[in-house]
Amino acid sequence: MRRDKGMTLEEAGRITGLAASTLSKIENNMMSPTFDVVQKLVSGLNIDITYLFGQSRGTEASGRRSVTKDGDGRVMETQVYRHRLLATELVHKRILPFVTRIKARSLADFTEWSCHAGEEFFYVLSGEVCFNTEHYEPVVLGAGDSIYIDSGMRHACYSTSKEDAEAIWINTG
């Protein structure tokens, strides 16, 4: 997409706030971007985030549906989370739904907290997590609990369970 817009790595780096070396690693599949990095890319390059995760580049239909079978979806793995993006064949979605396995066990596991445009809904499927936001005290959430936040507020969560916790995470753009 950068090349399609006729941009050098340095130009794309300036408008996204990312280092040219980081962009090069992402383009050459040497690095998987975090969700925050993806947000910087779509904002700087002025692209729809759902386009990056869609499999079909067809025209948008007036009636839409997407089925994601158990275990399907596009995986986006980081050191602290394993996201499985759902409804990936739809582009131009208003929400980005995914199932996340929370691998982190403390805030020390994070090099930085997430912070991006939009809102988020987080629903715990299994296990227990400690959800941290910059303006509020941490909250412990168990299976069946949920939280809705402004994504512009720095946030991070980690599993307090013996095993990785699992949650449904829905972001708006």
C-alpha atoms as a PDB file:
ATOM      1  CA  MET A   1       0.000   0.000   0.000  1.00  0.00           C
ATOM      2  CA  ARG A   2       2.928   2.296   0.760  1.00  0.00           C
ATOM      3  CA  ARG A   3       4.432   1.619  -2.661  1.00  0.00           C
ATOM      4  CA  ASP A   4       1.020   2.020  -4.339  1.00  0.00           C
ATOM      5  CA  LYS A   5       0.906   5.518  -2.857  1.00  0.00           C
ATOM      6  CA  GLY A   6       4.408   6.207  -4.243  1.00  0.00           C
ATOM      7  CA  MET A   7       5.973   6.660  -0.796  1.00  0.00           C
ATOM      8  CA  THR A   8       9.442   5.813   0.413  1.00  0.00           C
ATOM      9  CA  LEU A   9       9.899   4.041   3.740  1.00  0.00           C
ATOM     10  CA  GLU A  10      11.130   7.325   5.227  1.00  0.00           C
ATOM     11  CA  GLU A  11       8.037   9.232   4.041  1.00  0.00           C
ATOM     12  CA  ALA A  12       5.727   6.539   5.386  1.00  0.00           C
ATOM     13  CA  GLY A  13       7.680   6.580   8.643  1.00  0.00           C
ATOM     14  CA  ARG A  14       7.168  10.326   9.062  1.00  0.00           C
ATOM     15  CA  ILE A  15       3.400  10.172   8.581  1.00  0.00           C
ATOM     16  CA  THR A  16       2.887   7.046  10.694  1.00  0.00           C
ATOM     17  CA  GLY A  17       5.340   7.869  13.469  1.00  0.00           C
ATOM     18  CA  LEU A  18       7.131   4.545  12.899  1.00  0.00           C
ATOM     19  CA  ALA A  19      10.777   3.962  12.091  1.00  0.00           C
ATOM     20  CA  ALA A  20      11.551   3.126   8.463  1.00  0.00           C
ATOM     21  CA  SER A  21      13.360  -0.001   9.683  1.00  0.00           C
ATOM     22  CA  THR A  22      10.184  -1.124  11.493  1.00  0.00           C
ATOM     23  CA  LEU A  23       8.120  -0.593   8.335  1.00  0.00           C
ATOM     24  CA  SER A  24      10.648  -2.559   6.287  1.00  0.00           C
ATOM     25  CA  LYS A  25      10.540  -5.477   8.743  1.00  0.00           C
ATOM     26  CA  ILE A  26       6.727  -5.520   8.622  1.00  0.00           C
ATOM     27  CA  GLU A  27       6.677  -5.398   4.808  1.00  0.00           C
ATOM     28  CA  ASN A  28       9.177  -8.268   4.592  1.00  0.00           C
ATOM     29  CA  ASN A  29       7.334 -10.429   7.159  1.00  0.00           C
ATOM     30  CA  MET A  30      10.264 -10.226   9.564  1.00  0.00           C
ATOM     31  CA  MET A  31       8.098  -8.669  12.262  1.00  0.00           C
ATOM     32  CA  SER A  32       4.446  -8.938  13.225  1.00  0.00           C
ATOM     33  CA  PRO A  33       3.049  -5.522  14.198  1.00  0.00           C
ATOM     34  CA  THR A  34       1.232  -4.984  17.468  1.00  0.00           C
ATOM     35  CA  PHE A  35      -2.324  -3.693  17.342  1.00  0.00           C
ATOM     36  CA  ASP A  36      -1.070  -0.192  18.243  1.00  0.00           C
ATOM     37  CA  VAL A  37       1.407  -0.262  15.351  1.00  0.00           C
ATOM     38  CA  VAL A  38      -1.393  -1.352  13.007  1.00  0.00           C
ATOM     39  CA  GLN A  39      -3.443   1.626  14.272  1.00  0.00           C
ATOM     40  CA  LYS A  40      -0.552   3.995  13.464  1.00  0.00           C
ATOM     41  CA  LEU A  41      -0.260   2.495   9.983  1.00  0.00           C
ATOM     42  CA  VAL A  42      -3.936   2.852   9.122  1.00  0.00           C
ATOM     43  CA  SER A  43      -4.108   6.356  10.546  1.00  0.00           C
ATOM     44  CA  GLY A  44      -0.961   7.609   8.820  1.00  0.00           C
ATOM     45  CA  LEU A  45      -1.629   5.899   5.484  1.00  0.00           C
ATOM     46  CA  ASN A  46      -5.343   6.726   5.646  1.00  0.00           C
ATOM     47  CA  ILE A  47      -6.605   3.182   5.095  1.00  0.00           C
ATOM     48  CA  ASP A  48      -9.497   1.216   6.564  1.00  0.00           C
ATOM     49  CA  ILE A  49      -8.152  -1.160   9.244  1.00  0.00           C
ATOM     50  CA  THR A  50     -10.565  -3.880   8.204  1.00  0.00           C
ATOM     51  CA  TYR A  51      -8.989  -3.869   4.726  1.00  0.00           C
ATOM     52  CA  LEU A  52      -5.739  -5.192   6.246  1.00  0.00           C
ATOM     53  CA  PHE A  53      -7.463  -8.176   7.780  1.00  0.00           C
ATOM     54  CA  GLY A  54      -9.956  -8.929   5.015  1.00  0.00           C
ATOM     55  CA  GLN A  55      -9.395 -11.807   2.614  1.00  0.00           C
ATOM     56  CA  SER A  56     -11.725 -10.578  -0.118  1.00  0.00           C
ATOM     57  CA  ARG A  57     -11.195  -7.268  -1.847  1.00  0.00           C
ATOM     58  CA  GLY A  58     -14.561  -7.326  -3.609  1.00  0.00           C
ATOM     59  CA  THR A  59     -17.249  -4.694  -3.529  1.00  0.00           C
ATOM     60  CA  GLU A  60     -19.320  -4.212  -0.427  1.00  0.00           C
ATOM     61  CA  ALA A  61     -22.754  -5.838  -0.560  1.00  0.00           C
ATOM     62  CA  SER A  62     -25.879  -4.254   0.904  1.00  0.00           C
ATOM     63  CA  GLY A  63     -26.623  -7.361   2.966  1.00  0.00           C
ATOM     64  CA  ARG A  64     -23.566  -8.647   4.760  1.00  0.00           C
ATOM     65  CA  ARG A  65     -22.678 -11.649   6.816  1.00  0.00           C
ATOM     66  CA  SER A  66     -19.573 -13.449   7.855  1.00  0.00           C
ATOM     67  CA  VAL A  67     -19.162 -16.901   9.344  1.00  0.00           C
ATOM     68  CA  THR A  68     -15.996 -17.829  11.192  1.00  0.00           C
ATOM     69  CA  LYS A  69     -15.802 -21.497  12.154  1.00  0.00           C
ATOM     70  CA  ASP A  70     -14.178 -22.588  15.407  1.00  0.00           C
ATOM     71  CA  GLY A  71     -10.404 -22.310  15.065  1.00  0.00           C
ATOM     72  CA  ASP A  72     -10.601 -20.205  11.888  1.00  0.00           C
ATOM     73  CA  GLY A  73      -9.743 -16.523  11.631  1.00  0.00           C
ATOM     74  CA  ARG A  74      -6.516 -14.650  11.066  1.00  0.00           C
ATOM     75  CA  VAL A  75      -3.996 -14.976  13.890  1.00  0.00           C
ATOM     76  CA  MET A  76      -2.061 -11.946  15.090  1.00  0.00           C
ATOM     77  CA  GLU A  77       0.414 -12.952  17.787  1.00  0.00           C
ATOM     78  CA  THR A  78       2.344 -10.696  20.136  1.00  0.00           C
ATOM     79  CA  GLN A  79       4.405 -11.452  23.206  1.00  0.00           C
ATOM     80  CA  VAL A  80       1.448 -10.759  25.523  1.00  0.00           C
ATOM     81  CA  TYR A  81      -1.609 -11.667  23.424  1.00  0.00           C
ATOM     82  CA  ARG A  82      -2.664 -14.108  20.728  1.00  0.00           C
ATOM     83  CA  HIS A  83      -5.502 -12.471  18.759  1.00  0.00           C
ATOM     84  CA  ARG A  84      -7.656 -14.511  16.376  1.00  0.00           C
ATOM     85  CA  LEU A  85      -9.422 -11.996  14.161  1.00  0.00           C
ATOM     86  CA  LEU A  86     -12.981 -12.887  13.177  1.00  0.00           C
ATOM     87  CA  ALA A  87     -15.089 -11.984  10.122  1.00  0.00           C
ATOM     88  CA  THR A  88     -11.905 -11.382   8.149  1.00  0.00           C
ATOM     89  CA  GLU A  89     -13.502 -11.656   4.707  1.00  0.00           C
ATOM     90  CA  LEU A  90     -15.511  -8.481   5.344  1.00  0.00           C
ATOM     91  CA  VAL A  91     -13.845  -5.182   4.562  1.00  0.00           C
ATOM     92  CA  HIS A  92     -15.010  -1.745   5.705  1.00  0.00           C
ATOM     93  CA  LYS A  93     -16.382  -3.093   8.999  1.00  0.00           C
ATOM     94  CA  ARG A  94     -17.352  -0.679  11.767  1.00  0.00           C
ATOM     95  CA  ILE A  95     -16.022  -3.070  14.401  1.00  0.00           C
ATOM     96  CA  LEU A  96     -13.042  -5.400  14.614  1.00  0.00           C
ATOM     97  CA  PRO A  97     -13.971  -8.538  16.592  1.00  0.00           C
ATOM     98  CA  PHE A  98     -11.410 -11.042  17.788  1.00  0.00           C
ATOM     99  CA  VAL A  99     -10.877 -13.783  20.344  1.00  0.00           C
ATOM    100  CA  THR A 100      -7.779 -13.241  22.447  1.00  0.00           C
ATOM    101  CA  ARG A 101      -5.676 -15.553  24.526  1.00  0.00           C
ATOM    102  CA  ILE A 102      -4.051 -13.451  27.259  1.00  0.00           C
ATOM    103  CA  LYS A 103      -0.518 -14.807  27.730  1.00  0.00           C
ATOM    104  CA  ALA A 104       0.888 -12.008  29.918  1.00  0.00           C
ATOM    105  CA  ARG A 105       1.125 -12.677  33.650  1.00  0.00           C
ATOM    106  CA  SER A 106       2.016  -9.172  34.911  1.00  0.00           C
ATOM    107  CA  LEU A 107       2.365  -5.580  33.738  1.00  0.00           C
ATOM    108  CA  ALA A 108       6.124  -6.186  33.580  1.00  0.00           C
ATOM    109  CA  ASP A 109       5.444  -8.339  30.479  1.00  0.00           C
ATOM    110  CA  PHE A 110       4.420  -5.205  28.528  1.00  0.00           C
ATOM    111  CA  THR A 111       6.927  -2.916  26.808  1.00  0.00           C
ATOM    112  CA  GLU A 112       4.070  -0.431  26.313  1.00  0.00           C
ATOM    113  CA  TRP A 113       0.340  -0.277  26.967  1.00  0.00           C
ATOM    114  CA  SER A 114      -2.170  -0.060  24.111  1.00  0.00           C
ATOM    115  CA  CYS A 115      -3.596   3.326  23.200  1.00  0.00           C
ATOM    116  CA  HIS A 116      -5.459   4.068  19.958  1.00  0.00           C
ATOM    117  CA  ALA A 117      -8.570   5.703  18.541  1.00  0.00           C
ATOM    118  CA  GLY A 118     -11.998   4.185  19.146  1.00  0.00           C
ATOM    119  CA  GLU A 119     -13.731   2.191  21.847  1.00  0.00           C
ATOM    120  CA  GLU A 120     -13.390  -1.398  23.060  1.00  0.00           C
ATOM    121  CA  PHE A 121     -15.588  -4.049  24.554  1.00  0.00           C
ATOM    122  CA  PHE A 122     -13.843  -6.921  26.362  1.00  0.00           C
ATOM    123  CA  TYR A 123     -15.693 -10.040  27.597  1.00  0.00           C
ATOM    124  CA  VAL A 124     -13.919 -12.795  29.534  1.00  0.00           C
ATOM    125  CA  LEU A 125     -14.689 -16.290  28.249  1.00  0.00           C
ATOM    126  CA  SER A 126     -12.446 -18.256  30.600  1.00  0.00           C
ATOM    127  CA  GLY A 127      -9.917 -17.633  33.318  1.00  0.00           C
ATOM    128  CA  GLU A 128      -9.364 -14.398  35.182  1.00  0.00           C
ATOM    129  CA  VAL A 129      -7.649 -11.155  34.115  1.00  0.00           C
ATOM    130  CA  CYS A 130      -6.496  -7.944  35.701  1.00  0.00           C
ATOM    131  CA  PHE A 131      -7.537  -5.128  33.352  1.00  0.00           C
ATOM    132  CA  ASN A 132      -5.515  -1.914  33.782  1.00  0.00           C
ATOM    133  CA  THR A 133      -6.345   1.547  32.450  1.00  0.00           C
ATOM    134  CA  GLU A 134      -4.467   4.789  32.988  1.00  0.00           C
ATOM    135  CA  HIS A 135      -7.281   6.717  34.726  1.00  0.00           C
ATOM    136  CA  TYR A 136      -8.811   3.983  36.888  1.00  0.00           C
ATOM    137  CA  GLU A 137      -7.772   1.407  39.440  1.00  0.00           C
ATOM    138  CA  PRO A 138      -7.122  -2.064  37.990  1.00  0.00           C
ATOM    139  CA  VAL A 139     -10.142  -4.347  37.923  1.00  0.00           C
ATOM    140  CA  VAL A 140     -10.132  -8.153  38.153  1.00  0.00           C
ATOM    141  CA  LEU A 141     -12.547  -9.800  35.715  1.00  0.00           C
ATOM    142  CA  GLY A 142     -13.601 -13.444  35.629  1.00  0.00           C
ATOM    143  CA  ALA A 143     -15.535 -15.567  33.144  1.00  0.00           C
ATOM    144  CA  GLY A 144     -18.752 -13.749  32.186  1.00  0.00           C
ATOM    145  CA  ASP A 145     -17.441 -10.301  33.256  1.00  0.00           C
ATOM    146  CA  SER A 146     -16.892  -7.473  30.775  1.00  0.00           C
ATOM    147  CA  ILE A 147     -15.499  -3.965  30.459  1.00  0.00           C
ATOM    148  CA  TYR A 148     -16.149  -1.196  27.927  1.00  0.00           C
ATOM    149  CA  ILE A 149     -13.479   1.489  27.535  1.00  0.00           C
ATOM    150  CA  ASP A 150     -12.344   4.473  25.504  1.00  0.00           C
ATOM    151  CA  SER A 151      -9.370   3.046  23.565  1.00  0.00           C
ATOM    152  CA  GLY A 152      -7.587   6.413  23.721  1.00  0.00           C
ATOM    153  CA  MET A 153      -6.934   5.652  27.385  1.00  0.00           C
ATOM    154  CA  ARG A 154      -3.771   3.577  27.826  1.00  0.00           C
ATOM    155  CA  HIS A 155      -4.690  -0.005  28.738  1.00  0.00           C
ATOM    156  CA  ALA A 156      -3.292  -3.492  29.233  1.00  0.00           C
ATOM    157  CA  CYS A 157      -4.520  -6.719  30.761  1.00  0.00           C
ATOM    158  CA  TYR A 158      -2.853  -9.844  32.008  1.00  0.00           C
ATOM    159  CA  SER A 159      -4.021 -13.254  33.124  1.00  0.00           C
ATOM    160  CA  THR A 160      -4.175 -13.906  36.853  1.00  0.00           C
ATOM    161  CA  SER A 161      -5.252 -17.507  36.199  1.00  0.00           C
ATOM    162  CA  LYS A 162      -3.012 -20.538  36.337  1.00  0.00           C
ATOM    163  CA  GLU A 163      -3.644 -20.918  32.591  1.00  0.00           C
ATOM    164  CA  ASP A 164      -3.990 -18.282  29.880  1.00  0.00           C
ATOM    165  CA  ALA A 165      -7.301 -16.446  30.038  1.00  0.00           C
ATOM    166  CA  GLU A 166      -9.455 -16.126  26.915  1.00  0.00           C
ATOM    167  CA  ALA A 167     -11.701 -13.221  25.948  1.00  0.00           C
ATOM    168  CA  ILE A 168     -13.737 -11.741  23.152  1.00  0.00           C
ATOM    169  CA  TRP A 169     -12.404  -8.307  22.271  1.00  0.00           C
ATOM    170  CA  ILE A 170     -14.273  -5.894  19.997  1.00  0.00           C
ATOM    171  CA  ASN A 171     -12.686  -2.631  18.806  1.00  0.00           C
ATOM    172  CA  THR A 172     -14.196   0.228  16.869  1.00  0.00           C
ATOM    173  CA  GLY A 173     -12.085   2.276  14.489  1.00  0.00           C
END
